[in-house]
Amino acid sequence: MKIENSVVLVTGANRGIGRTFVAELLKRGAGKIYIAARDTTSLGELLKSGDTRLVPLPLDVTDPDQVAAAAVVASDVTLLINNAGYAGFDGALSAIDISDARQEMEVNYFAPLAMSRAFAPVLAKGNSAILNMLSMLSLVTLPMAGTYSASKAAGLALTRSLRAELGAQGTQVVGVLAVQTDTAMGAKMPEPRMTPEEVVADALDAIEASVNDEVVAGAQSRAIYQAFTADPKGLQAKMSTRLPQPR
């Protein structure tokens, strides 16, 4: 599908990769962008420009009522970007409890599922797409972020199932695989880090090229993906040495 004149909803639009998505969508001529965040006051910097294409939308992606309400308000959406994410950055066993693990699954798996279910009828008009922000940790496990890895693996499985089910209505489904990026969340991961702009450009290029698959975003991600495809067990063994640090 084409970005120009499209109507887009971006979750987690107030910072990081979400905010970069908004900036790039504006450059590419999107007709309207619903910028969603739990607290719309956090969207102030984005709205400062006065661009009338930006429509603030209060949305906690883990709240079923707010998700349902968003699908009513944004009933003209042609591109849904499930970008909101959460990471506790701890091991499966070293974490104090499993509260972060539950939140990771809520935000990184159940929320994209709920959003996709709510917006599938909206997108049925054709020339539509869903973009799910995933991670290279969908493919390999990093023990220092063990439960986050699990949630992103679940997100990848969901993305592939959505692609199969939405194929009949012609909705394109793209999953974005990326390594650590220079955002507040990515700052907890080791350097070097990619820029959000690099990730977003590759993701939106895939949308405009009608890719209906996973896309590996950024040169650094592609290098890691090449290592994974060449020797998946070898890369996993290397990643498995990055254990949670003692408290």
Protein backbone atom coordinates (compact mmCIF):
# COMPACT_ATOMS: atom_id res chain seq x y z
CA MET A 1 0.00 0.00 0.00
CA LYS A 2 1.02 3.63 -0.41
CA ILE A 3 1.68 5.86 2.57
CA GLU A 4 0.61 9.01 0.70
CA ASN A 5 -2.95 9.96 1.71
CA SER A 6 -3.23 6.92 3.98
CA VAL A 7 -4.88 7.06 7.41
CA VAL A 8 -2.59 5.66 10.08
CA LEU A 9 -2.86 4.79 13.77
CA VAL A 10 0.42 4.58 15.70
CA THR A 11 0.37 3.16 19.23
CA GLY A 12 3.03 4.39 21.64
CA ALA A 13 3.42 7.49 19.46
CA ASN A 14 4.73 9.77 22.18
CA ARG A 15 8.38 8.68 22.15
CA GLY A 16 11.12 6.54 20.66
CA ILE A 17 10.33 4.56 17.53
CA GLY A 18 6.66 5.56 17.68
CA ARG A 19 7.48 9.24 17.51
CA THR A 20 9.88 8.56 14.64
CA PHE A 21 7.13 6.69 12.79
CA VAL A 22 4.95 9.78 13.06
CA ALA A 23 7.66 12.09 11.72
CA GLU A 24 8.40 9.82 8.76
CA LEU A 25 4.72 9.27 7.96
CA LEU A 26 4.25 13.03 7.77
CA LYS A 27 7.20 13.31 5.39
CA ARG A 28 5.73 10.59 3.18
CA GLY A 29 2.40 12.39 2.88
CA ALA A 30 0.07 10.44 5.16
CA GLY A 31 -3.36 12.05 5.09
CA LYS A 32 -4.17 11.58 8.79
CA ILE A 33 -2.29 10.07 11.71
CA TYR A 34 -3.97 9.05 14.95
CA ILE A 35 -1.19 9.44 17.52
CA ALA A 36 -2.08 7.18 20.42
CA ALA A 37 -0.71 7.25 23.95
CA ARG A 38 -1.98 6.39 27.42
CA ASP A 39 -1.52 10.02 28.46
CA THR A 40 -2.21 12.44 25.61
CA THR A 41 -0.38 15.25 27.44
CA SER A 42 2.81 13.38 26.51
CA LEU A 43 2.02 14.17 22.85
CA GLY A 44 2.58 17.89 23.35
CA GLU A 45 5.88 18.07 21.47
CA LEU A 46 4.39 16.29 18.46
CA LEU A 47 1.36 18.57 18.39
CA LYS A 48 3.45 21.74 18.71
CA SER A 49 3.81 21.92 14.94
CA GLY A 50 0.09 22.51 14.56
CA ASP A 51 -0.10 19.96 11.73
CA THR A 52 -3.81 19.25 11.37
CA ARG A 53 -3.09 15.73 10.14
CA LEU A 54 -2.18 14.72 13.71
CA VAL A 55 -5.10 13.50 15.82
CA PRO A 56 -4.34 12.69 19.48
CA LEU A 57 -6.01 9.52 20.71
CA PRO A 58 -6.04 8.39 24.37
CA LEU A 59 -5.30 4.68 24.30
CA ASP A 60 -4.05 2.18 26.82
CA VAL A 61 -3.54 -0.83 24.56
CA THR A 62 -4.06 -3.19 27.51
CA ASP A 63 -7.56 -1.80 28.24
CA PRO A 64 -10.24 -3.66 26.21
CA ASP A 65 -12.74 -0.81 26.48
CA GLN A 66 -10.24 1.77 25.20
CA VAL A 67 -9.23 -0.52 22.32
CA ALA A 68 -12.88 -0.96 21.32
CA ALA A 69 -13.47 2.79 21.56
CA ALA A 70 -10.40 3.51 19.41
CA ALA A 71 -11.74 1.29 16.63
CA VAL A 72 -14.96 3.34 16.62
CA VAL A 73 -13.21 6.73 16.64
CA ALA A 74 -10.57 5.71 14.09
CA SER A 75 -12.89 3.84 11.75
CA ASP A 76 -11.12 5.27 8.68
CA VAL A 77 -7.71 3.71 9.42
CA THR A 78 -5.91 2.01 6.53
CA LEU A 79 -2.59 1.31 8.29
CA LEU A 80 -2.37 0.09 11.89
CA ILE A 81 1.09 0.31 13.48
CA ASN A 82 1.30 -1.77 16.67
CA ASN A 83 4.37 -0.09 18.10
CA ALA A 84 3.73 0.20 21.85
CA GLY A 85 6.09 -2.06 23.78
CA TYR A 86 7.27 -2.91 27.27
CA ALA A 87 10.48 -4.51 28.55
CA GLY A 88 11.37 -5.42 32.12
CA PHE A 89 14.89 -6.49 31.09
CA ASP A 90 15.38 -9.30 33.56
CA GLY A 91 15.85 -13.03 33.48
CA ALA A 92 13.10 -15.59 33.75
CA LEU A 93 14.40 -16.74 37.15
CA SER A 94 16.35 -13.73 38.42
CA ALA A 95 13.37 -11.37 38.40
CA ILE A 96 11.87 -10.63 41.81
CA ASP A 97 8.49 -11.89 40.61
CA ILE A 98 6.65 -12.42 37.33
CA SER A 99 4.88 -9.05 37.21
CA ASP A 100 7.17 -7.73 34.45
CA ALA A 101 6.71 -10.95 32.49
CA ARG A 102 2.93 -10.54 32.65
CA GLN A 103 3.16 -6.91 31.56
CA GLU A 104 5.45 -7.82 28.65
CA MET A 105 2.91 -10.36 27.42
CA GLU A 106 0.05 -7.91 27.92
CA VAL A 107 1.71 -5.12 25.91
CA ASN A 108 3.81 -7.07 23.40
CA TYR A 109 1.40 -9.92 22.61
CA PHE A 110 -2.15 -9.49 23.91
CA ALA A 111 -2.34 -5.80 22.94
CA PRO A 112 -1.42 -6.32 19.25
CA LEU A 113 -3.86 -9.24 19.22
CA ALA A 114 -6.65 -7.09 20.67
CA MET A 115 -5.86 -4.16 18.37
CA SER A 116 -5.76 -6.40 15.31
CA ARG A 117 -9.07 -8.04 16.23
CA ALA A 118 -10.69 -4.63 16.77
CA PHE A 119 -9.37 -3.11 13.55
CA ALA A 120 -9.63 -6.11 11.19
CA PRO A 121 -13.18 -5.09 10.10
CA VAL A 122 -12.01 -1.49 9.62
CA LEU A 123 -9.15 -2.69 7.40
CA ALA A 124 -11.39 -4.98 5.34
CA LYS A 125 -12.03 -2.14 2.86
CA GLY A 126 -8.80 -3.16 1.07
CA ASN A 127 -5.47 -1.44 0.39
CA SER A 128 -4.73 -1.80 4.09
CA ALA A 129 -1.93 -3.05 6.32
CA ILE A 130 -0.88 -3.93 9.84
CA LEU A 131 2.71 -3.34 10.95
CA ASN A 132 3.87 -5.05 14.15
CA MET A 133 7.10 -3.88 15.79
CA LEU A 134 8.87 -7.05 16.82
CA SER A 135 12.53 -7.70 17.64
CA MET A 136 15.38 -9.99 16.67
CA LEU A 137 14.66 -11.46 20.11
CA SER A 138 11.58 -12.96 18.46
CA LEU A 139 14.05 -15.44 16.93
CA VAL A 140 16.74 -15.87 19.57
CA THR A 141 16.60 -15.69 23.34
CA LEU A 142 18.64 -13.25 25.39
CA PRO A 143 18.64 -14.56 28.99
CA MET A 144 19.21 -11.07 30.44
CA ALA A 145 15.85 -10.20 28.88
CA GLY A 146 14.37 -13.68 28.99
CA THR A 147 10.68 -12.93 29.44
CA TYR A 148 10.84 -10.03 26.95
CA SER A 149 12.26 -12.51 24.41
CA ALA A 150 9.33 -14.82 25.12
CA SER A 151 6.80 -12.03 24.56
CA LYS A 152 8.40 -11.05 21.26
CA ALA A 153 8.48 -14.68 20.10
CA ALA A 154 4.76 -14.78 20.84
CA GLY A 155 4.38 -11.55 18.86
CA LEU A 156 6.07 -13.13 15.85
CA ALA A 157 3.80 -16.18 15.98
CA LEU A 158 0.79 -13.86 16.21
CA THR A 159 2.00 -11.78 13.24
CA ARG A 160 2.28 -14.87 11.05
CA SER A 161 -1.19 -16.06 12.07
CA LEU A 162 -2.70 -12.65 11.37
CA ARG A 163 -1.08 -12.65 7.93
CA ALA A 164 -2.68 -16.00 7.12
CA GLU A 165 -6.13 -15.04 8.40
CA LEU A 166 -6.21 -11.56 6.85
CA GLY A 167 -4.92 -12.70 3.48
CA ALA A 168 -8.43 -13.24 2.15
CA GLN A 169 -9.39 -9.60 2.74
CA GLY A 170 -6.16 -8.33 1.20
CA THR A 171 -4.65 -6.81 4.35
CA GLN A 172 -0.85 -6.78 4.27
CA VAL A 173 0.83 -7.81 7.55
CA VAL A 174 4.45 -6.85 8.19
CA GLY A 175 6.53 -7.87 11.21
CA VAL A 176 9.60 -5.72 11.85
CA LEU A 177 12.66 -7.49 13.24
CA ALA A 178 15.25 -5.13 14.70
CA VAL A 179 18.13 -5.23 17.16
CA GLN A 180 18.86 -2.64 19.85
CA THR A 181 17.89 0.89 18.86
CA ASP A 182 18.82 4.24 20.36
CA THR A 183 15.68 4.87 22.41
CA ALA A 184 14.90 5.03 26.13
CA MET A 185 14.05 1.33 26.07
CA GLY A 186 17.04 0.39 23.92
CA ALA A 187 19.45 2.24 26.22
CA LYS A 188 19.42 -0.78 28.50
CA MET A 189 20.87 -2.93 25.71
CA PRO A 190 24.56 -3.07 24.72
CA GLU A 191 26.07 -0.76 22.11
CA PRO A 192 26.27 -0.22 19.19
CA ARG A 193 22.67 0.79 18.61
CA MET A 194 20.79 1.68 15.45
CA THR A 195 18.92 4.95 15.01
CA PRO A 196 15.11 4.88 15.14
CA GLU A 197 15.12 6.59 11.73
CA GLU A 198 16.95 3.63 10.16
CA VAL A 199 14.42 1.15 11.56
CA VAL A 200 11.37 3.20 10.59
CA ALA A 201 12.58 3.92 7.05
CA ASP A 202 13.07 0.21 6.32
CA ALA A 203 9.72 -0.66 7.92
CA LEU A 204 7.75 1.87 5.87
CA ASP A 205 9.68 1.00 2.71
CA ALA A 206 8.43 -2.58 3.20
CA ILE A 207 4.84 -1.34 3.51
CA GLU A 208 5.14 0.68 0.31
CA ALA A 209 6.82 -2.24 -1.51
CA SER A 210 3.82 -4.46 -0.63
CA VAL A 211 5.99 -6.83 1.42
CA ASN A 212 3.75 -9.33 3.19
CA ASP A 213 6.33 -10.94 5.44
CA GLU A 214 8.87 -10.14 8.12
CA VAL A 215 11.33 -7.37 7.31
CA VAL A 216 14.77 -7.11 8.93
CA ALA A 217 15.21 -3.40 9.59
CA GLY A 218 18.62 -1.74 9.66
CA ALA A 219 22.12 -2.80 8.63
CA GLN A 220 23.01 -4.03 12.11
CA SER A 221 19.85 -6.16 12.25
CA ARG A 222 20.65 -7.63 8.85
CA ALA A 223 24.14 -8.63 10.02
CA ILE A 224 22.69 -10.42 13.04
CA TYR A 225 19.98 -12.03 10.92
CA GLN A 226 22.61 -13.30 8.49
CA ALA A 227 24.47 -14.89 11.42
CA PHE A 228 21.20 -16.43 12.58
CA THR A 229 20.32 -17.93 9.20
CA ALA A 230 23.87 -19.27 8.77
CA ASP A 231 24.07 -20.89 12.20
CA PRO A 232 21.00 -20.44 14.42
CA LYS A 233 22.28 -22.70 17.19
CA GLY A 234 25.65 -20.98 17.16
CA LEU A 235 24.09 -17.53 17.52
CA GLN A 236 21.80 -18.79 20.29
CA ALA A 237 24.79 -20.23 22.13
CA LYS A 238 26.52 -16.84 21.91
CA MET A 239 23.42 -14.98 23.12
CA SER A 240 23.01 -17.45 25.97
CA THR A 241 26.24 -16.23 27.56
CA ARG A 242 24.57 -12.86 28.28
CA LEU A 243 23.08 -13.75 31.62
CA PRO A 244 21.25 -11.52 34.09
CA GLN A 245 23.61 -9.68 36.43
CA PRO A 246 23.44 -10.46 40.17
CA ARG A 247 21.46 -7.89 42.13
